[in-house]
Amino acid sequence: MKPAVRYALMGGTAIVAVLVVVSAWSRLLEQQATLDEINQLRDELYRARVASDRCRSSLQTSEAALLELGIAIDSLRNSVDSFEALDRRGVPVEQYPEYLEIFDSYNDSVSVWDDRERRLRLADTACRETIQGHNAISDTLQVVLTEAGIETN
């Protein structure tokens, strides 16, 4: 075989070998980037899940407290109604100080209830956003896993 042909074959073989190595290296880097993305998304998903669970728990506690306050307000309202039903002309003078105290407590409680209800609605909106963020991360992770050929179930 002529030296020029031999050098051409060796050069071609070297070029093919370099292309194979570059291709393999590129594939390894791509796989590592995908694994890094998956791990990052899993970490984000874990943090988002913790945040949404805390949010739901806080929301449930606030809802229960608001319901309890509602029961207390209803009780105060019933007491006010009872005083007012004693006499058609109004609350008897000897019971008026007690009536006024309960009536003031009722009014104060209603304003507290309004404020708590407003805060609960704001917290509910924030929780919905937190949960939607969690779901978006979960969906993104699912797409990345599917594209990587990793099955989840």
Protein backbone atom coordinates (compact mmCIF):
# COMPACT_ATOMS: atom_id res chain seq x y z
CA MET A 1 0.00 0.00 0.00
CA LYS A 2 1.33 3.40 -0.89
CA PRO A 3 2.35 5.65 1.98
CA ALA A 4 -0.04 8.39 0.85
CA VAL A 5 -3.01 6.01 0.96
CA ARG A 6 -1.88 4.63 4.30
CA TYR A 7 -1.61 8.17 5.73
CA ALA A 8 -5.02 9.03 4.30
CA LEU A 9 -6.57 5.93 5.92
CA MET A 10 -4.87 6.66 9.22
CA GLY A 11 -6.00 10.27 9.03
CA GLY A 12 -9.56 9.21 8.19
CA THR A 13 -9.50 6.68 11.03
CA ALA A 14 -8.22 9.36 13.42
CA ILE A 15 -10.94 11.77 12.30
CA VAL A 16 -13.63 9.11 12.78
CA ALA A 17 -12.21 8.26 16.21
CA VAL A 18 -12.23 11.93 17.23
CA LEU A 19 -15.80 12.32 15.98
CA VAL A 20 -16.89 9.24 17.97
CA VAL A 21 -15.21 10.56 21.12
CA VAL A 22 -16.70 14.05 20.64
CA SER A 23 -20.14 12.55 20.01
CA ALA A 24 -19.92 10.33 23.08
CA TRP A 25 -18.65 13.22 25.21
CA SER A 26 -21.44 15.45 23.94
CA ARG A 27 -24.02 12.80 24.80
CA LEU A 28 -22.58 12.40 28.31
CA LEU A 29 -22.71 16.17 28.85
CA GLU A 30 -26.30 16.24 27.61
CA GLN A 31 -27.28 13.40 29.96
CA GLN A 32 -25.58 15.13 32.89
CA ALA A 33 -27.39 18.38 32.09
CA THR A 34 -30.70 16.50 32.01
CA LEU A 35 -29.92 14.80 35.35
CA ASP A 36 -28.98 18.15 36.86
CA GLU A 37 -32.25 19.67 35.63
CA ILE A 38 -34.24 16.72 37.02
CA ASN A 39 -32.53 17.02 40.41
CA GLN A 40 -33.09 20.77 40.50
CA LEU A 41 -36.78 20.33 39.63
CA ARG A 42 -37.17 17.63 42.29
CA ASP A 43 -35.65 19.96 44.88
CA GLU A 44 -37.96 22.77 43.80
CA LEU A 45 -40.93 20.40 43.84
CA TYR A 46 -40.09 19.29 47.39
CA ARG A 47 -39.86 22.90 48.60
CA ALA A 48 -43.08 23.79 46.79
CA ARG A 49 -44.85 20.79 48.33
CA VAL A 50 -43.71 21.77 51.82
CA ALA A 51 -44.89 25.35 51.21
CA SER A 52 -48.29 24.25 49.87
CA ASP A 53 -48.78 21.77 52.73
CA ARG A 54 -47.97 24.47 55.29
CA CYS A 55 -50.27 26.86 53.51
CA ARG A 56 -53.15 24.37 53.51
CA SER A 57 -52.60 23.57 57.18
CA SER A 58 -52.54 27.26 58.12
CA LEU A 59 -55.65 27.84 56.06
CA GLN A 60 -57.48 24.99 57.80
CA THR A 61 -56.50 26.36 61.21
CA SER A 62 -57.68 29.84 60.26
CA GLU A 63 -60.96 28.48 58.89
CA ALA A 64 -61.59 26.53 62.11
CA ALA A 65 -60.86 29.63 64.22
CA LEU A 66 -63.21 31.71 62.05
CA LEU A 67 -65.95 29.11 62.46
CA GLU A 68 -65.45 29.15 66.24
CA LEU A 69 -65.63 32.95 66.23
CA GLY A 70 -68.82 32.71 64.16
CA ILE A 71 -70.36 30.42 66.78
CA ALA A 72 -69.37 32.85 69.54
CA ILE A 73 -70.85 35.77 67.58
CA ASP A 74 -74.08 33.83 67.05
CA SER A 75 -74.24 33.18 70.78
CA LEU A 76 -73.72 36.87 71.54
CA ARG A 77 -76.39 37.77 68.98
CA ASN A 78 -78.80 35.34 70.64
CA SER A 79 -78.07 36.93 74.02
CA VAL A 80 -78.71 40.40 72.60
CA ASP A 81 -81.97 39.16 71.06
CA SER A 82 -82.98 37.60 74.38
CA PHE A 83 -82.49 40.89 76.21
CA GLU A 84 -84.42 42.77 73.56
CA ALA A 85 -87.28 40.23 73.67
CA LEU A 86 -87.84 40.63 77.43
CA ASP A 87 -90.06 43.65 77.01
CA ARG A 88 -91.71 45.31 74.02
CA ARG A 89 -90.61 48.68 75.27
CA GLY A 90 -86.92 47.73 75.32
CA VAL A 91 -84.36 46.29 77.69
CA PRO A 92 -85.28 46.76 81.37
CA VAL A 93 -83.19 49.42 83.11
CA GLU A 94 -81.76 47.02 85.73
CA GLN A 95 -80.45 44.74 82.98
CA TYR A 96 -79.28 47.47 80.66
CA PRO A 97 -75.60 47.52 81.79
CA GLU A 98 -75.30 43.75 81.17
CA TYR A 99 -77.13 44.10 77.86
CA LEU A 100 -74.86 46.97 76.78
CA GLU A 101 -71.73 44.96 77.64
CA ILE A 102 -72.93 42.00 75.56
CA PHE A 103 -74.08 44.30 72.76
CA ASP A 104 -70.64 46.00 72.63
CA SER A 105 -68.92 42.60 72.66
CA TYR A 106 -71.14 41.51 69.81
CA ASN A 107 -70.30 44.62 67.74
CA ASP A 108 -66.57 44.26 68.46
CA SER A 109 -66.68 40.58 67.51
CA VAL A 110 -68.41 41.29 64.22
CA SER A 111 -65.66 43.72 63.19
CA VAL A 112 -63.00 41.16 64.23
CA TRP A 113 -64.83 38.51 62.19
CA ASP A 114 -64.91 40.79 59.12
CA ASP A 115 -61.17 41.41 59.40
CA ARG A 116 -60.38 37.71 59.86
CA GLU A 117 -62.61 36.75 56.95
CA ARG A 118 -60.83 39.25 54.71
CA ARG A 119 -57.41 37.90 55.77
CA LEU A 120 -58.63 34.34 55.23
CA ARG A 121 -59.70 35.20 51.68
CA LEU A 122 -56.28 36.75 51.01
CA ALA A 123 -54.56 33.69 52.48
CA ASP A 124 -56.74 31.44 50.34
CA THR A 125 -55.68 33.34 47.22
CA ALA A 126 -52.02 33.10 48.22
CA CYS A 127 -52.40 29.37 48.89
CA ARG A 128 -53.98 28.83 45.49
CA GLU A 129 -51.00 30.56 43.89
CA THR A 130 -48.60 28.41 45.93
CA ILE A 131 -50.42 25.24 44.92
CA GLN A 132 -50.51 26.31 41.26
CA GLY A 133 -46.76 26.94 41.43
CA HIS A 134 -46.26 23.44 42.85
CA ASN A 135 -48.40 21.96 40.07
CA ALA A 136 -46.45 23.87 37.40
CA ILE A 137 -43.15 22.52 38.73
CA SER A 138 -44.62 19.03 38.84
CA ASP A 139 -45.79 19.32 35.24
CA THR A 140 -42.38 20.60 34.11
CA LEU A 141 -40.64 17.73 35.89
CA GLN A 142 -42.99 15.25 34.24
CA VAL A 143 -42.19 16.67 30.79
CA VAL A 144 -38.43 16.54 31.42
CA LEU A 145 -38.67 12.95 32.69
CA THR A 146 -40.76 11.91 29.70
CA GLU A 147 -38.35 13.58 27.28
CA ALA A 148 -35.48 11.76 29.02
CA GLY A 149 -37.30 8.47 28.58
CA ILE A 150 -37.82 7.97 32.30
CA GLU A 151 -41.18 6.50 33.21
CA THR A 152 -42.94 7.56 36.37
CA ASN A 153 -45.83 5.89 38.08
